[in-house]
Amino acid sequence: MKALTLITTEAGKLDAVAKAVRNIKNGIKEVLIVTGRADIAVFSEGSIKDIRNTIVKIGKIRNVVTTETMVEIE
C-alpha cells in the first residue's frame, strides 16, 4: 500500500521538520519540499499499520502544524 502525506510547518522551521522526517526510516520512500498549500510531501509504502505508525511519528515532530494523508485504494 502507498500513501502521500502533506505536511504544513511553522514558519521558518521547514528544514528542521524535513530533516526529522527523513530520519524516520521505516516505510518512507521520498521526502520533498514543495510549494503550494503544504510545505513537505512524503511518499510512504507498507501495510496500513506501517503507514499509520509513520503518520503518528510525523505528527509528533516539533513544529508540524498539520498533516493530511491520502492512501492508495487501488
C-alpha atoms as a PDB file:
ATOM      1  CA  MET A   1       0.000   0.000   0.000  1.00  0.00           C
ATOM      2  CA  LYS A   2       1.197   3.522  -0.800  1.00  0.00           C
ATOM      3  CA  ALA A   3       0.401   6.873   0.791  1.00  0.00           C
ATOM      4  CA  LEU A   4       1.122  10.565   0.332  1.00  0.00           C
ATOM      5  CA  THR A   5       1.305  12.781   3.406  1.00  0.00           C
ATOM      6  CA  LEU A   6       1.254  16.569   3.082  1.00  0.00           C
ATOM      7  CA  ILE A   7       2.828  18.462   5.973  1.00  0.00           C
ATOM      8  CA  THR A   8       2.468  22.111   6.932  1.00  0.00           C
ATOM      9  CA  THR A   9       5.162  23.501   9.230  1.00  0.00           C
ATOM     10  CA  GLU A  10       5.606  26.524  11.438  1.00  0.00           C
ATOM     11  CA  ALA A  11       7.210  29.479   9.663  1.00  0.00           C
ATOM     12  CA  GLY A  12      10.980  29.162   9.447  1.00  0.00           C
ATOM     13  CA  LYS A  13      11.006  25.513  10.531  1.00  0.00           C
ATOM     14  CA  LEU A  14      10.749  23.798   7.149  1.00  0.00           C
ATOM     15  CA  ASP A  15      14.321  22.485   7.019  1.00  0.00           C
ATOM     16  CA  ALA A  16      14.257  21.165  10.596  1.00  0.00           C
ATOM     17  CA  VAL A  17      10.985  19.324  10.028  1.00  0.00           C
ATOM     18  CA  ALA A  18      12.155  17.890   6.690  1.00  0.00           C
ATOM     19  CA  LYS A  19      15.343  16.617   8.360  1.00  0.00           C
ATOM     20  CA  ALA A  20      13.344  14.999  11.169  1.00  0.00           C
ATOM     21  CA  VAL A  21      11.003  13.321   8.665  1.00  0.00           C
ATOM     22  CA  ARG A  22      13.969  11.996   6.691  1.00  0.00           C
ATOM     23  CA  ASN A  23      15.268  10.412   9.910  1.00  0.00           C
ATOM     24  CA  ILE A  24      12.136   8.228  10.104  1.00  0.00           C
ATOM     25  CA  LYS A  25      13.475   5.132   8.389  1.00  0.00           C
ATOM     26  CA  ASN A  26      10.605   2.662   8.285  1.00  0.00           C
ATOM     27  CA  GLY A  27       8.391   2.974   5.218  1.00  0.00           C
ATOM     28  CA  ILE A  28       9.301   6.433   3.959  1.00  0.00           C
ATOM     29  CA  LYS A  29      10.323   6.347   0.307  1.00  0.00           C
ATOM     30  CA  GLU A  30      10.737  10.037  -0.514  1.00  0.00           C
ATOM     31  CA  VAL A  31      10.562  13.436   1.195  1.00  0.00           C
ATOM     32  CA  LEU A  32      10.048  16.525  -0.980  1.00  0.00           C
ATOM     33  CA  ILE A  33       9.999  20.197  -0.040  1.00  0.00           C
ATOM     34  CA  VAL A  34       7.167  21.596  -2.169  1.00  0.00           C
ATOM     35  CA  THR A  35       5.244  24.754  -2.948  1.00  0.00           C
ATOM     36  CA  GLY A  36       1.503  25.177  -2.521  1.00  0.00           C
ATOM     37  CA  ARG A  37      -0.749  24.585   0.456  1.00  0.00           C
ATOM     38  CA  ALA A  38       1.742  22.164   2.042  1.00  0.00           C
ATOM     39  CA  ASP A  39       5.430  22.584   2.782  1.00  0.00           C
ATOM     40  CA  ILE A  40       6.543  18.943   2.606  1.00  0.00           C
ATOM     41  CA  ALA A  41       5.245  15.924   0.681  1.00  0.00           C
ATOM     42  CA  VAL A  42       6.117  12.463   1.989  1.00  0.00           C
ATOM     43  CA  PHE A  43       5.664   9.271  -0.007  1.00  0.00           C
ATOM     44  CA  SER A  44       5.466   6.129   2.114  1.00  0.00           C
ATOM     45  CA  GLU A  45       4.846   2.462   1.497  1.00  0.00           C
ATOM     46  CA  GLY A  46       3.910  -0.548   3.609  1.00  0.00           C
ATOM     47  CA  SER A  47       0.943  -2.077   5.357  1.00  0.00           C
ATOM     48  CA  ILE A  48      -1.835   0.181   6.600  1.00  0.00           C
ATOM     49  CA  LYS A  49      -0.412  -0.325  10.104  1.00  0.00           C
ATOM     50  CA  ASP A  50       3.055   0.769   8.922  1.00  0.00           C
ATOM     51  CA  ILE A  51       1.601   3.853   7.239  1.00  0.00           C
ATOM     52  CA  ARG A  52      -0.387   4.705  10.372  1.00  0.00           C
ATOM     53  CA  ASN A  53       2.752   4.414  12.518  1.00  0.00           C
ATOM     54  CA  THR A  54       4.656   6.684  10.130  1.00  0.00           C
ATOM     55  CA  ILE A  55       1.872   9.291  10.254  1.00  0.00           C
ATOM     56  CA  VAL A  56       1.859   9.195  14.058  1.00  0.00           C
ATOM     57  CA  LYS A  57       5.637   9.714  14.117  1.00  0.00           C
ATOM     58  CA  ILE A  58       5.349  12.655  11.711  1.00  0.00           C
ATOM     59  CA  GLY A  59       2.604  14.219  13.842  1.00  0.00           C
ATOM     60  CA  LYS A  60       4.885  14.132  16.899  1.00  0.00           C
ATOM     61  CA  ILE A  61       7.663  16.118  15.207  1.00  0.00           C
ATOM     62  CA  ARG A  62       8.104  19.543  16.715  1.00  0.00           C
ATOM     63  CA  ASN A  63       6.864  22.433  14.516  1.00  0.00           C
ATOM     64  CA  VAL A  64       4.492  20.282  12.447  1.00  0.00           C
ATOM     65  CA  VAL A  65       1.240  22.252  12.249  1.00  0.00           C
ATOM     66  CA  THR A  66      -0.952  19.934  10.143  1.00  0.00           C
ATOM     67  CA  THR A  67      -0.782  16.718   8.178  1.00  0.00           C
ATOM     68  CA  GLU A  68      -3.085  15.338   5.514  1.00  0.00           C
ATOM     69  CA  THR A  69      -2.638  11.792   4.271  1.00  0.00           C
ATOM     70  CA  MET A  70      -4.029  10.216   1.132  1.00  0.00           C
ATOM     71  CA  VAL A  71      -3.870   6.414   0.992  1.00  0.00           C
ATOM     72  CA  GLU A  72      -3.896   4.487  -2.274  1.00  0.00           C
ATOM     73  CA  ILE A  73      -7.074   2.442  -2.668  1.00  0.00           C
ATOM     74  CA  GLU A  74      -6.169   0.548  -5.848  1.00  0.00           C
END
